[in-house]
PDB file of N, CA and C in Angstrom:
ATOM      1  N   MET A   1      -1.643   3.196 -17.121  1.00  0.00           N
ATOM      2  CA  MET A   1      -0.874   3.469 -15.924  1.00  0.00           C
ATOM      3  C   MET A   1      -0.207   2.176 -15.449  1.00  0.00           C
ATOM      4  N   GLU A   2       1.064   2.233 -15.170  1.00  0.00           N
ATOM      5  CA  GLU A   2       1.783   1.059 -14.662  1.00  0.00           C
ATOM      6  C   GLU A   2       1.859   1.141 -13.141  1.00  0.00           C
ATOM      7  N   ILE A   3       1.136   0.275 -12.482  1.00  0.00           N
ATOM      8  CA  ILE A   3       1.018   0.327 -11.022  1.00  0.00           C
ATOM      9  C   ILE A   3       2.348   0.034 -10.329  1.00  0.00           C
ATOM     10  N   ARG A   4       3.179  -0.789 -10.928  1.00  0.00           N
ATOM     11  CA  ARG A   4       4.484  -1.073 -10.310  1.00  0.00           C
ATOM     12  C   ARG A   4       5.361   0.184 -10.265  1.00  0.00           C
ATOM     13  N   ASP A   5       5.216   1.058 -11.259  1.00  0.00           N
ATOM     14  CA  ASP A   5       5.954   2.332 -11.238  1.00  0.00           C
ATOM     15  C   ASP A   5       5.452   3.234 -10.111  1.00  0.00           C
ATOM     16  N   PHE A   6       4.140   3.202  -9.867  1.00  0.00           N
ATOM     17  CA  PHE A   6       3.590   3.963  -8.746  1.00  0.00           C
ATOM     18  C   PHE A   6       4.201   3.485  -7.432  1.00  0.00           C
ATOM     19  N   TRP A   7       4.241   2.166  -7.239  1.00  0.00           N
ATOM     20  CA  TRP A   7       4.788   1.634  -5.989  1.00  0.00           C
ATOM     21  C   TRP A   7       6.279   1.921  -5.865  1.00  0.00           C
ATOM     22  N   LYS A   8       7.008   1.891  -6.962  1.00  0.00           N
ATOM     23  CA  LYS A   8       8.439   2.221  -6.918  1.00  0.00           C
ATOM     24  C   LYS A   8       8.625   3.662  -6.442  1.00  0.00           C
ATOM     25  N   ALA A   9       7.845   4.587  -6.980  1.00  0.00           N
ATOM     26  CA  ALA A   9       7.928   5.993  -6.569  1.00  0.00           C
ATOM     27  C   ALA A   9       7.514   6.165  -5.110  1.00  0.00           C
ATOM     28  N   THR A  10       6.468   5.469  -4.689  1.00  0.00           N
ATOM     29  CA  THR A  10       5.965   5.597  -3.324  1.00  0.00           C
ATOM     30  C   THR A  10       6.961   5.032  -2.321  1.00  0.00           C
ATOM     31  N   LEU A  11       7.470   3.836  -2.574  1.00  0.00           N
ATOM     32  CA  LEU A  11       8.452   3.236  -1.670  1.00  0.00           C
ATOM     33  C   LEU A  11       9.753   4.034  -1.643  1.00  0.00           C
ATOM     34  N   GLY A  12      10.071   4.686  -2.749  1.00  0.00           N
ATOM     35  CA  GLY A  12      11.258   5.526  -2.818  1.00  0.00           C
ATOM     36  C   GLY A  12      11.037   6.919  -2.242  1.00  0.00           C
ATOM     37  N   GLN A  13       9.845   7.179  -1.768  1.00  0.00           N
ATOM     38  CA  GLN A  13       9.475   8.476  -1.184  1.00  0.00           C
ATOM     39  C   GLN A  13       9.822   9.617  -2.145  1.00  0.00           C
ATOM     40  N   ASP A  14       9.482   9.419  -3.415  1.00  0.00           N
ATOM     41  CA  ASP A  14       9.757  10.370  -4.493  1.00  0.00           C
ATOM     42  C   ASP A  14       8.484  11.158  -4.795  1.00  0.00           C
ATOM     43  N   ALA A  15       8.312  12.288  -4.128  1.00  0.00           N
ATOM     44  CA  ALA A  15       7.086  13.079  -4.229  1.00  0.00           C
ATOM     45  C   ALA A  15       6.791  13.512  -5.665  1.00  0.00           C
ATOM     46  N   ALA A  16       7.786  13.991  -6.365  1.00  0.00           N
ATOM     47  CA  ALA A  16       7.575  14.466  -7.743  1.00  0.00           C
ATOM     48  C   ALA A  16       7.072  13.340  -8.639  1.00  0.00           C
ATOM     49  N   ALA A  17       7.660  12.170  -8.510  1.00  0.00           N
ATOM     50  CA  ALA A  17       7.228  11.028  -9.324  1.00  0.00           C
ATOM     51  C   ALA A  17       5.825  10.585  -8.929  1.00  0.00           C
ATOM     52  N   MET A  18       5.511  10.616  -7.634  1.00  0.00           N
ATOM     53  CA  MET A  18       4.184  10.194  -7.177  1.00  0.00           C
ATOM     54  C   MET A  18       3.084  11.095  -7.738  1.00  0.00           C
ATOM     55  N   ARG A  19       3.325  12.393  -7.789  1.00  0.00           N
ATOM     56  CA  ARG A  19       2.309  13.350  -8.255  1.00  0.00           C
ATOM     57  C   ARG A  19       1.820  13.035  -9.668  1.00  0.00           C
ATOM     58  N   ARG A  20       2.686  12.508 -10.508  1.00  0.00           N
ATOM     59  CA  ARG A  20       2.314  12.201 -11.904  1.00  0.00           C
ATOM     60  C   ARG A  20       1.155  11.219 -12.007  1.00  0.00           C
ATOM     61  N   PHE A  21       0.954  10.402 -10.978  1.00  0.00           N
ATOM     62  CA  PHE A  21      -0.035   9.321 -11.050  1.00  0.00           C
ATOM     63  C   PHE A  21      -1.450   9.748 -10.677  1.00  0.00           C
ATOM     64  N   PHE A  22      -1.606  10.894 -10.009  1.00  0.00           N
ATOM     65  CA  PHE A  22      -2.887  11.266  -9.427  1.00  0.00           C
ATOM     66  C   PHE A  22      -3.684  12.263 -10.257  1.00  0.00           C
ATOM     67  N   ALA A  23      -5.001  12.052 -10.303  1.00  0.00           N
ATOM     68  CA  ALA A  23      -5.924  13.058 -10.817  1.00  0.00           C
ATOM     69  C   ALA A  23      -5.997  14.181  -9.778  1.00  0.00           C
ATOM     70  N   PRO A  24      -6.289  15.410 -10.189  1.00  0.00           N
ATOM     71  CA  PRO A  24      -6.272  16.547  -9.255  1.00  0.00           C
ATOM     72  C   PRO A  24      -7.149  16.383  -8.014  1.00  0.00           C
ATOM     73  N   SER A  25      -8.302  15.757  -8.145  1.00  0.00           N
ATOM     74  CA  SER A  25      -9.220  15.652  -6.996  1.00  0.00           C
ATOM     75  C   SER A  25      -9.178  14.268  -6.333  1.00  0.00           C
ATOM     76  N   ALA A  26      -8.099  13.523  -6.527  1.00  0.00           N
ATOM     77  CA  ALA A  26      -7.997  12.157  -5.992  1.00  0.00           C
ATOM     78  C   ALA A  26      -8.073  12.144  -4.469  1.00  0.00           C
ATOM     79  N   GLY A  27      -8.627  11.055  -3.946  1.00  0.00           N
ATOM     80  CA  GLY A  27      -8.695  10.837  -2.501  1.00  0.00           C
ATOM     81  C   GLY A  27      -8.113   9.487  -2.143  1.00  0.00           C
ATOM     82  N   VAL A  28      -7.525   9.421  -0.953  1.00  0.00           N
ATOM     83  CA  VAL A  28      -6.938   8.175  -0.454  1.00  0.00           C
ATOM     84  C   VAL A  28      -7.536   7.905   0.915  1.00  0.00           C
ATOM     85  N   PHE A  29      -7.927   6.654   1.148  1.00  0.00           N
ATOM     86  CA  PHE A  29      -8.650   6.294   2.365  1.00  0.00           C
ATOM     87  C   PHE A  29      -7.961   5.127   3.057  1.00  0.00           C
ATOM     88  N   TRP A  30      -7.513   5.374   4.294  1.00  0.00           N
ATOM     89  CA  TRP A  30      -6.911   4.336   5.131  1.00  0.00           C
ATOM     90  C   TRP A  30      -7.967   3.908   6.143  1.00  0.00           C
ATOM     91  N   HIS A  31      -8.606   2.808   5.869  1.00  0.00           N
ATOM     92  CA  HIS A  31      -9.746   2.365   6.667  1.00  0.00           C
ATOM     93  C   HIS A  31      -9.344   1.886   8.056  1.00  0.00           C
ATOM     94  N   ASN A  32      -8.150   1.313   8.215  1.00  0.00           N
ATOM     95  CA  ASN A  32      -7.729   0.822   9.533  1.00  0.00           C
ATOM     96  C   ASN A  32      -7.668   1.935  10.569  1.00  0.00           C
ATOM     97  N   THR A  33      -7.304   3.154  10.119  1.00  0.00           N
ATOM     98  CA  THR A  33      -7.166   4.275  11.050  1.00  0.00           C
ATOM     99  C   THR A  33      -8.212   5.359  10.811  1.00  0.00           C
ATOM    100  N   ASN A  34      -9.177   5.075   9.936  1.00  0.00           N
ATOM    101  CA  ASN A  34     -10.285   5.997   9.671  1.00  0.00           C
ATOM    102  C   ASN A  34      -9.779   7.375   9.229  1.00  0.00           C
ATOM    103  N   GLU A  35      -8.840   7.380   8.254  1.00  0.00           N
ATOM    104  CA  GLU A  35      -8.279   8.627   7.756  1.00  0.00           C
ATOM    105  C   GLU A  35      -8.519   8.764   6.259  1.00  0.00           C
ATOM    106  N   ALA A  36      -8.818  10.011   5.846  1.00  0.00           N
ATOM    107  CA  ALA A  36      -8.960  10.349   4.436  1.00  0.00           C
ATOM    108  C   ALA A  36      -7.935  11.422   4.102  1.00  0.00           C
ATOM    109  N   PHE A  37      -7.304  11.285   2.943  1.00  0.00           N
ATOM    110  CA  PHE A  37      -6.263  12.211   2.516  1.00  0.00           C
ATOM    111  C   PHE A  37      -6.532  12.685   1.091  1.00  0.00           C
ATOM    112  N   SER A  38      -6.170  13.916   0.806  1.00  0.00           N
ATOM    113  CA  SER A  38      -6.065  14.350  -0.584  1.00  0.00           C
ATOM    114  C   SER A  38      -4.815  13.681  -1.145  1.00  0.00           C
ATOM    115  N   ALA A  39      -4.636  13.735  -2.460  1.00  0.00           N
ATOM    116  CA  ALA A  39      -3.430  13.153  -3.052  1.00  0.00           C
ATOM    117  C   ALA A  39      -2.187  13.814  -2.468  1.00  0.00           C
ATOM    118  N   GLU A  40      -2.220  15.134  -2.320  1.00  0.00           N
ATOM    119  CA  GLU A  40      -1.054  15.853  -1.802  1.00  0.00           C
ATOM    120  C   GLU A  40      -0.763  15.465  -0.350  1.00  0.00           C
ATOM    121  N   GLU A  41      -1.805  15.289   0.463  1.00  0.00           N
ATOM    122  CA  GLU A  41      -1.597  14.845   1.850  1.00  0.00           C
ATOM    123  C   GLU A  41      -1.028  13.430   1.893  1.00  0.00           C
ATOM    124  N   PHE A  42      -1.532  12.559   1.025  1.00  0.00           N
ATOM    125  CA  PHE A  42      -1.024  11.184   0.947  1.00  0.00           C
ATOM    126  C   PHE A  42       0.460  11.180   0.588  1.00  0.00           C
ATOM    127  N   ILE A  43       0.834  12.008  -0.363  1.00  0.00           N
ATOM    128  CA  ILE A  43       2.239  12.109  -0.765  1.00  0.00           C
ATOM    129  C   ILE A  43       3.077  12.607   0.415  1.00  0.00           C
ATOM    130  N   GLU A  44       2.578  13.615   1.109  1.00  0.00           N
ATOM    131  CA  GLU A  44       3.308  14.140   2.274  1.00  0.00           C
ATOM    132  C   GLU A  44       3.480  13.075   3.350  1.00  0.00           C
ATOM    133  N   VAL A  45       2.410  12.340   3.661  1.00  0.00           N
ATOM    134  CA  VAL A  45       2.477  11.290   4.682  1.00  0.00           C
ATOM    135  C   VAL A  45       3.522  10.242   4.294  1.00  0.00           C
ATOM    136  N   ASN A  46       3.518   9.822   3.046  1.00  0.00           N
ATOM    137  CA  ASN A  46       4.464   8.799   2.606  1.00  0.00           C
ATOM    138  C   ASN A  46       5.895   9.303   2.562  1.00  0.00           C
ATOM    139  N   CYS A  47       6.095  10.518   2.121  1.00  0.00           N
ATOM    140  CA  CYS A  47       7.454  11.037   1.965  1.00  0.00           C
ATOM    141  C   CYS A  47       8.070  11.490   3.286  1.00  0.00           C
ATOM    142  N   GLU A  48       7.240  11.771   4.280  1.00  0.00           N
ATOM    143  CA  GLU A  48       7.768  12.206   5.572  1.00  0.00           C
ATOM    144  C   GLU A  48       7.711  11.108   6.632  1.00  0.00           C
ATOM    145  N   TYR A  49       7.248   9.916   6.235  1.00  0.00           N
ATOM    146  CA  TYR A  49       7.206   8.808   7.182  1.00  0.00           C
ATOM    147  C   TYR A  49       8.634   8.511   7.639  1.00  0.00           C
ATOM    148  N   PRO A  50       8.827   8.335   8.945  1.00  0.00           N
ATOM    149  CA  PRO A  50      10.203   8.136   9.454  1.00  0.00           C
ATOM    150  C   PRO A  50      10.876   6.894   8.873  1.00  0.00           C
ATOM    151  N   GLY A  51      12.136   7.029   8.569  1.00  0.00           N
ATOM    152  CA  GLY A  51      12.930   5.898   8.112  1.00  0.00           C
ATOM    153  C   GLY A  51      12.793   5.638   6.632  1.00  0.00           C
ATOM    154  N   ALA A  52      13.602   4.725   6.161  1.00  0.00           N
ATOM    155  CA  ALA A  52      13.574   4.294   4.759  1.00  0.00           C
ATOM    156  C   ALA A  52      12.802   2.979   4.680  1.00  0.00           C
ATOM    157  N   TRP A  53      12.021   2.849   3.622  1.00  0.00           N
ATOM    158  CA  TRP A  53      11.167   1.678   3.457  1.00  0.00           C
ATOM    159  C   TRP A  53      11.414   1.039   2.108  1.00  0.00           C
ATOM    160  N   ASP A  54      11.079  -0.214   2.025  1.00  0.00           N
ATOM    161  CA  ASP A  54      11.181  -0.951   0.780  1.00  0.00           C
ATOM    162  C   ASP A  54       9.947  -1.838   0.691  1.00  0.00           C
ATOM    163  N   GLY A  55       9.813  -2.563  -0.382  1.00  0.00           N
ATOM    164  CA  GLY A  55       8.649  -3.433  -0.505  1.00  0.00           C
ATOM    165  C   GLY A  55       8.701  -4.253  -1.765  1.00  0.00           C
ATOM    166  N   GLU A  56       7.741  -5.136  -1.852  1.00  0.00           N
ATOM    167  CA  GLU A  56       7.621  -5.967  -3.053  1.00  0.00           C
ATOM    168  C   GLU A  56       6.154  -6.173  -3.354  1.00  0.00           C
ATOM    169  N   VAL A  57       5.810  -5.978  -4.615  1.00  0.00           N
ATOM    170  CA  VAL A  57       4.446  -6.225  -5.074  1.00  0.00           C
ATOM    171  C   VAL A  57       4.281  -7.728  -5.177  1.00  0.00           C
ATOM    172  N   GLU A  58       3.309  -8.259  -4.452  1.00  0.00           N
ATOM    173  CA  GLU A  58       3.079  -9.710  -4.473  1.00  0.00           C
ATOM    174  C   GLU A  58       1.986 -10.117  -5.449  1.00  0.00           C
ATOM    175  N   ARG A  59       1.052  -9.172  -5.725  1.00  0.00           N
ATOM    176  CA  ARG A  59      -0.056  -9.538  -6.596  1.00  0.00           C
ATOM    177  C   ARG A  59      -0.682  -8.281  -7.178  1.00  0.00           C
ATOM    178  N   VAL A  60      -1.096  -8.366  -8.444  1.00  0.00           N
ATOM    179  CA  VAL A  60      -1.815  -7.291  -9.118  1.00  0.00           C
ATOM    180  C   VAL A  60      -2.992  -7.912  -9.852  1.00  0.00           C
ATOM    181  N   GLU A  61      -4.168  -7.358  -9.639  1.00  0.00           N
ATOM    182  CA  GLU A  61      -5.372  -7.790 -10.358  1.00  0.00           C
ATOM    183  C   GLU A  61      -6.021  -6.554 -10.981  1.00  0.00           C
ATOM    184  N   ARG A  62      -6.494  -6.694 -12.210  1.00  0.00           N
ATOM    185  CA  ARG A  62      -7.160  -5.581 -12.902  1.00  0.00           C
ATOM    186  C   ARG A  62      -8.575  -6.020 -13.269  1.00  0.00           C
ATOM    187  N   ILE A  63      -9.526  -5.165 -12.901  1.00  0.00           N
ATOM    188  CA  ILE A  63     -10.929  -5.437 -13.199  1.00  0.00           C
ATOM    189  C   ILE A  63     -11.524  -4.122 -13.704  1.00  0.00           C
ATOM    190  N   GLY A  64     -11.624  -3.964 -15.001  1.00  0.00           N
ATOM    191  CA  GLY A  64     -12.109  -2.704 -15.562  1.00  0.00           C
ATOM    192  C   GLY A  64     -11.213  -1.559 -15.121  1.00  0.00           C
ATOM    193  N   GLY A  65     -11.808  -0.529 -14.510  1.00  0.00           N
ATOM    194  CA  GLY A  65     -11.055   0.627 -14.032  1.00  0.00           C
ATOM    195  C   GLY A  65     -10.507   0.459 -12.636  1.00  0.00           C
ATOM    196  N   LEU A  66     -10.531  -0.766 -12.117  1.00  0.00           N
ATOM    197  CA  LEU A  66     -10.042  -1.047 -10.764  1.00  0.00           C
ATOM    198  C   LEU A  66      -8.755  -1.862 -10.841  1.00  0.00           C
ATOM    199  N   ILE A  67      -7.747  -1.420 -10.084  1.00  0.00           N
ATOM    200  CA  ILE A  67      -6.511  -2.183  -9.940  1.00  0.00           C
ATOM    201  C   ILE A  67      -6.377  -2.531  -8.465  1.00  0.00           C
ATOM    202  N   VAL A  68      -6.149  -3.803  -8.174  1.00  0.00           N
ATOM    203  CA  VAL A  68      -5.971  -4.264  -6.800  1.00  0.00           C
ATOM    204  C   VAL A  68      -4.543  -4.766  -6.664  1.00  0.00           C
ATOM    205  N   THR A  69      -3.855  -4.277  -5.617  1.00  0.00           N
ATOM    206  CA  THR A  69      -2.496  -4.763  -5.368  1.00  0.00           C
ATOM    207  C   THR A  69      -2.393  -5.297  -3.949  1.00  0.00           C
ATOM    208  N   ALA A  70      -1.562  -6.301  -3.793  1.00  0.00           N
ATOM    209  CA  ALA A  70      -1.145  -6.788  -2.477  1.00  0.00           C
ATOM    210  C   ALA A  70       0.359  -6.567  -2.426  1.00  0.00           C
ATOM    211  N   LEU A  71       0.800  -5.900  -1.376  1.00  0.00           N
ATOM    212  CA  LEU A  71       2.189  -5.467  -1.277  1.00  0.00           C
ATOM    213  C   LEU A  71       2.721  -5.783   0.106  1.00  0.00           C
ATOM    214  N   ARG A  72       3.960  -6.237   0.157  1.00  0.00           N
ATOM    215  CA  ARG A  72       4.661  -6.367   1.436  1.00  0.00           C
ATOM    216  C   ARG A  72       5.568  -5.164   1.559  1.00  0.00           C
ATOM    217  N   VAL A  73       5.411  -4.413   2.651  1.00  0.00           N
ATOM    218  CA  VAL A  73       6.212  -3.222   2.921  1.00  0.00           C
ATOM    219  C   VAL A  73       7.047  -3.506   4.159  1.00  0.00           C
ATOM    220  N   PHE A  74       8.346  -3.155   4.106  1.00  0.00           N
ATOM    221  CA  PHE A  74       9.210  -3.441   5.248  1.00  0.00           C
ATOM    222  C   PHE A  74      10.245  -2.332   5.418  1.00  0.00           C
ATOM    223  N   ALA A  75      10.700  -2.181   6.645  1.00  0.00           N
ATOM    224  CA  ALA A  75      11.738  -1.201   6.952  1.00  0.00           C
ATOM    225  C   ALA A  75      13.024  -1.628   6.266  1.00  0.00           C
ATOM    226  N   ALA A  76      13.651  -0.703   5.553  1.00  0.00           N
ATOM    227  CA  ALA A  76      14.925  -1.004   4.904  1.00  0.00           C
ATOM    228  C   ALA A  76      15.950  -1.326   5.982  1.00  0.00           C
ATOM    229  N   GLY A  77      16.700  -2.384   5.781  1.00  0.00           N
ATOM    230  CA  GLY A  77      17.707  -2.776   6.759  1.00  0.00           C
ATOM    231  C   GLY A  77      17.160  -3.616   7.899  1.00  0.00           C
ATOM    232  N   GLY A  78      15.916  -4.023   7.827  1.00  0.00           N
ATOM    233  CA  GLY A  78      15.320  -4.861   8.873  1.00  0.00           C
ATOM    234  C   GLY A  78      14.391  -4.088   9.769  1.00  0.00           C
ATOM    235  N   GLY A  79      13.566  -4.796  10.454  1.00  0.00           N
ATOM    236  CA  GLY A  79      12.589  -4.169  11.340  1.00  0.00           C
ATOM    237  C   GLY A  79      11.181  -4.592  10.979  1.00  0.00           C
ATOM    238  N   PRO A  80      10.213  -3.744  11.284  1.00  0.00           N
ATOM    239  CA  PRO A  80       8.815  -4.145  11.080  1.00  0.00           C
ATOM    240  C   PRO A  80       8.464  -4.322   9.612  1.00  0.00           C
ATOM    241  N   SER A  81       7.482  -5.176   9.370  1.00  0.00           N
ATOM    242  CA  SER A  81       6.955  -5.336   8.018  1.00  0.00           C
ATOM    243  C   SER A  81       5.438  -5.414   8.088  1.00  0.00           C
ATOM    244  N   PHE A  82       4.825  -5.103   6.964  1.00  0.00           N
ATOM    245  CA  PHE A  82       3.377  -5.010   6.872  1.00  0.00           C
ATOM    246  C   PHE A  82       2.934  -5.560   5.523  1.00  0.00           C
ATOM    247  N   HIS A  83       1.673  -5.915   5.447  1.00  0.00           N
ATOM    248  CA  HIS A  83       1.036  -6.206   4.172  1.00  0.00           C
ATOM    249  C   HIS A  83      -0.074  -5.178   3.973  1.00  0.00           C
ATOM    250  N   VAL A  84      -0.183  -4.704   2.751  1.00  0.00           N
ATOM    251  CA  VAL A  84      -1.209  -3.724   2.424  1.00  0.00           C
ATOM    252  C   VAL A  84      -1.917  -4.181   1.157  1.00  0.00           C
ATOM    253  N   VAL A  85      -3.233  -4.113   1.196  1.00  0.00           N
ATOM    254  CA  VAL A  85      -4.052  -4.363   0.011  1.00  0.00           C
ATOM    255  C   VAL A  85      -4.650  -3.023  -0.378  1.00  0.00           C
ATOM    256  N   SER A  86      -4.442  -2.645  -1.634  1.00  0.00           N
ATOM    257  CA  SER A  86      -4.885  -1.348  -2.122  1.00  0.00           C
ATOM    258  C   SER A  86      -5.801  -1.532  -3.322  1.00  0.00           C
ATOM    259  N   PHE A  87      -6.896  -0.787  -3.310  1.00  0.00           N
ATOM    260  CA  PHE A  87      -7.861  -0.786  -4.404  1.00  0.00           C
ATOM    261  C   PHE A  87      -7.781   0.578  -5.082  1.00  0.00           C
ATOM    262  N   PHE A  88      -7.268   0.604  -6.309  1.00  0.00           N
ATOM    263  CA  PHE A  88      -7.081   1.839  -7.059  1.00  0.00           C
ATOM    264  C   PHE A  88      -8.202   2.003  -8.080  1.00  0.00           C
ATOM    265  N   ARG A  89      -8.883   3.137  -8.052  1.00  0.00           N
ATOM    266  CA  ARG A  89      -9.817   3.494  -9.125  1.00  0.00           C
ATOM    267  C   ARG A  89      -9.047   4.405 -10.069  1.00  0.00           C
ATOM    268  N   VAL A  90      -9.058   4.048 -11.340  1.00  0.00           N
ATOM    269  CA  VAL A  90      -8.280   4.769 -12.334  1.00  0.00           C
ATOM    270  C   VAL A  90      -9.226   5.251 -13.441  1.00  0.00           C
ATOM    271  N   GLN A  91      -9.080   6.518 -13.801  1.00  0.00           N
ATOM    272  CA  GLN A  91      -9.818   7.084 -14.937  1.00  0.00           C
ATOM    273  C   GLN A  91      -8.838   7.883 -15.781  1.00  0.00           C
ATOM    274  N   ASP A  92      -8.903   7.690 -17.087  1.00  0.00           N
ATOM    275  CA  ASP A  92      -8.020   8.399 -18.019  1.00  0.00           C
ATOM    276  C   ASP A  92      -6.552   8.287 -17.625  1.00  0.00           C
ATOM    277  N   GLY A  93      -6.152   7.110 -17.119  1.00  0.00           N
ATOM    278  CA  GLY A  93      -4.766   6.849 -16.787  1.00  0.00           C
ATOM    279  C   GLY A  93      -4.273   7.470 -15.491  1.00  0.00           C
ATOM    280  N   LYS A  94      -5.179   8.043 -14.694  1.00  0.00           N
ATOM    281  CA  LYS A  94      -4.802   8.680 -13.430  1.00  0.00           C
ATOM    282  C   LYS A  94      -5.590   8.065 -12.276  1.00  0.00           C
ATOM    283  N   ILE A  95      -4.964   8.017 -11.106  1.00  0.00           N
ATOM    284  CA  ILE A  95      -5.628   7.511  -9.901  1.00  0.00           C
ATOM    285  C   ILE A  95      -6.641   8.540  -9.430  1.00  0.00           C
ATOM    286  N   VAL A  96      -7.896   8.106  -9.247  1.00  0.00           N
ATOM    287  CA  VAL A  96      -8.920   8.997  -8.693  1.00  0.00           C
ATOM    288  C   VAL A  96      -9.218   8.656  -7.240  1.00  0.00           C
ATOM    289  N   SER A  97      -8.957   7.396  -6.847  1.00  0.00           N
ATOM    290  CA  SER A  97      -9.109   7.037  -5.435  1.00  0.00           C
ATOM    291  C   SER A  97      -8.317   5.773  -5.139  1.00  0.00           C
ATOM    292  N   ILE A  98      -7.902   5.696  -3.853  1.00  0.00           N
ATOM    293  CA  ILE A  98      -7.245   4.493  -3.341  1.00  0.00           C
ATOM    294  C   ILE A  98      -7.893   4.174  -2.004  1.00  0.00           C
ATOM    295  N   ASP A  99      -8.330   2.941  -1.837  1.00  0.00           N
ATOM    296  CA  ASP A  99      -8.782   2.418  -0.544  1.00  0.00           C
ATOM    297  C   ASP A  99      -7.735   1.410  -0.104  1.00  0.00           C
ATOM    298  N   GLU A 100      -7.107   1.673   1.074  1.00  0.00           N
ATOM    299  CA  GLU A 100      -6.029   0.805   1.545  1.00  0.00           C
ATOM    300  C   GLU A 100      -6.367   0.177   2.885  1.00  0.00           C
ATOM    301  N   TYR A 101      -5.890  -1.058   3.036  1.00  0.00           N
ATOM    302  CA  TYR A 101      -6.071  -1.830   4.261  1.00  0.00           C
ATOM    303  C   TYR A 101      -4.712  -2.386   4.659  1.00  0.00           C
ATOM    304  N   TRP A 102      -4.222  -1.976   5.838  1.00  0.00           N
ATOM    305  CA  TRP A 102      -2.893  -2.349   6.325  1.00  0.00           C
ATOM    306  C   TRP A 102      -2.998  -3.384   7.432  1.00  0.00           C
ATOM    307  N   GLY A 103      -2.041  -4.291   7.459  1.00  0.00           N
ATOM    308  CA  GLY A 103      -1.947  -5.262   8.541  1.00  0.00           C
ATOM    309  C   GLY A 103      -0.495  -5.503   8.908  1.00  0.00           C
ATOM    310  N   ASP A 104      -0.232  -5.630  10.208  1.00  0.00           N
ATOM    311  CA  ASP A 104       1.122  -5.941  10.691  1.00  0.00           C
ATOM    312  C   ASP A 104       1.448  -7.394  10.382  1.00  0.00           C
ATOM    313  N   ASP A 105       2.676  -7.640   9.943  1.00  0.00           N
ATOM    314  CA  ASP A 105       3.137  -9.016   9.788  1.00  0.00           C
ATOM    315  C   ASP A 105       3.567  -9.534  11.159  1.00  0.00           C
ATOM    316  N   GLY A 106       3.344 -10.792  11.407  1.00  0.00           N
ATOM    317  CA  GLY A 106       3.758 -11.366  12.677  1.00  0.00           C
ATOM    318  C   GLY A 106       3.293 -12.802  12.811  1.00  0.00           C
ATOM    319  N   ALA A 107       3.578 -13.341  13.951  1.00  0.00           N
ATOM    320  CA  ALA A 107       3.209 -14.728  14.244  1.00  0.00           C
ATOM    321  C   ALA A 107       1.699 -14.832  14.490  1.00  0.00           C
ATOM    322  N   PRO A 108       1.137 -16.015  14.268  1.00  0.00           N
ATOM    323  CA  PRO A 108      -0.271 -16.221  14.607  1.00  0.00           C
ATOM    324  C   PRO A 108      -0.480 -16.021  16.112  1.00  0.00           C
ATOM    325  N   PRO A 109      -1.698 -15.705  16.508  1.00  0.00           N
ATOM    326  CA  PRO A 109      -1.964 -15.560  17.946  1.00  0.00           C
ATOM    327  C   PRO A 109      -1.780 -16.893  18.680  1.00  0.00           C
ATOM    328  N   GLN A 110      -1.447 -16.788  19.935  1.00  0.00           N
ATOM    329  CA  GLN A 110      -1.138 -17.970  20.743  1.00  0.00           C
ATOM    330  C   GLN A 110      -2.273 -18.988  20.760  1.00  0.00           C
ATOM    331  N   TRP A 111      -3.520 -18.520  20.803  1.00  0.00           N
ATOM    332  CA  TRP A 111      -4.637 -19.466  20.890  1.00  0.00           C
ATOM    333  C   TRP A 111      -4.688 -20.379  19.677  1.00  0.00           C
ATOM    334  N   ARG A 112      -4.311 -19.866  18.471  1.00  0.00           N
ATOM    335  CA  ARG A 112      -4.295 -20.732  17.294  1.00  0.00           C
ATOM    336  C   ARG A 112      -3.091 -21.658  17.331  1.00  0.00           C
ATOM    337  N   LEU A 113      -1.964 -21.177  17.820  1.00  0.00           N
ATOM    338  CA  LEU A 113      -0.801 -22.050  17.975  1.00  0.00           C
ATOM    339  C   LEU A 113      -1.122 -23.189  18.936  1.00  0.00           C
ATOM    340  N   ASP A 114      -1.781 -22.859  20.041  1.00  0.00           N
ATOM    341  CA  ASP A 114      -2.164 -23.885  21.021  1.00  0.00           C
ATOM    342  C   ASP A 114      -3.088 -24.932  20.431  1.00  0.00           C
ATOM    343  N   LYS A 115      -4.000 -24.511  19.553  1.00  0.00           N
ATOM    344  CA  LYS A 115      -4.929 -25.445  18.928  1.00  0.00           C
ATOM    345  C   LYS A 115      -4.315 -26.212  17.757  1.00  0.00           C
ATOM    346  N   LYS A 116      -3.108 -25.773  17.340  1.00  0.00           N
ATOM    347  CA  LYS A 116      -2.407 -26.418  16.232  1.00  0.00           C
ATOM    348  C   LYS A 116      -3.244 -26.416  14.944  1.00  0.00           C
ATOM    349  N   ILE A 117      -3.899 -25.256  14.709  1.00  0.00           N
ATOM    350  CA  ILE A 117      -4.654 -25.106  13.462  1.00  0.00           C
ATOM    351  C   ILE A 117      -3.870 -24.198  12.531  1.00  0.00           C
ATOM    352  N   GLY A 118      -3.930 -24.509  11.248  1.00  0.00           N
ATOM    353  CA  GLY A 118      -3.216 -23.710  10.263  1.00  0.00           C
ATOM    354  C   GLY A 118      -1.778 -24.163  10.111  1.00  0.00           C
ATOM    355  N   ARG A 119      -1.133 -23.616   9.081  1.00  0.00           N
ATOM    356  CA  ARG A 119       0.265 -23.935   8.801  1.00  0.00           C
ATOM    357  C   ARG A 119       0.854 -22.759   8.044  1.00  0.00           C
ATOM    358  N   ALA A 120       2.150 -22.694   7.977  1.00  0.00           N
ATOM    359  CA  ALA A 120       2.823 -21.602   7.271  1.00  0.00           C
ATOM    360  C   ALA A 120       2.516 -21.645   5.778  1.00  0.00           C
ATOM    361  N   ILE A 121       2.357 -20.497   5.189  1.00  0.00           N
ATOM    362  CA  ILE A 121       2.119 -20.411   3.739  1.00  0.00           C
ATOM    363  C   ILE A 121       3.401 -20.750   2.989  1.00  0.00           C
ATOM    364  N   LYS A 122       4.519 -20.197   3.456  1.00  0.00           N
ATOM    365  CA  LYS A 122       5.827 -20.415   2.804  1.00  0.00           C
ATOM    366  C   LYS A 122       6.773 -21.025   3.787  1.00  0.00           C
TER     367      LYS A 122
END
C-alpha cells in the first residue's frame, strides 16, 4: 500500500479512491475529540468537510505492519493549517485501523515567548 496515494485521495476528497485503501471492518479514531468512525464514516467526514483542503506529507515511518505519517493540512487558498500524526495498521495491503492526533498550527503561547525559550524550527 502506498500511503502517499491514500493522502492524495483523502486531501482531494475522492471518496471512491479512498475506499480502495480500507479493509471492510476498518476503524478510525480521532483521540483529540474522542470520536470513532467506521471507514465509511471517516470517508464521509473527510469528503463533506467544508472547503477545499491541501497538504503535504512531511514524514513517513514504517515499522512492520504499522505506518506512521506526519502531515501538514491547510485550507486551499490560505487560512487555517494543522499538523496530524496518523498511525496506520495495515494487513494484507489494506488499512485496518488509523489512530490520528490533530493539532492547530500557530504561534507559541505568550508565556514561552516572554521567557524567550525555544526557537523556530524553520
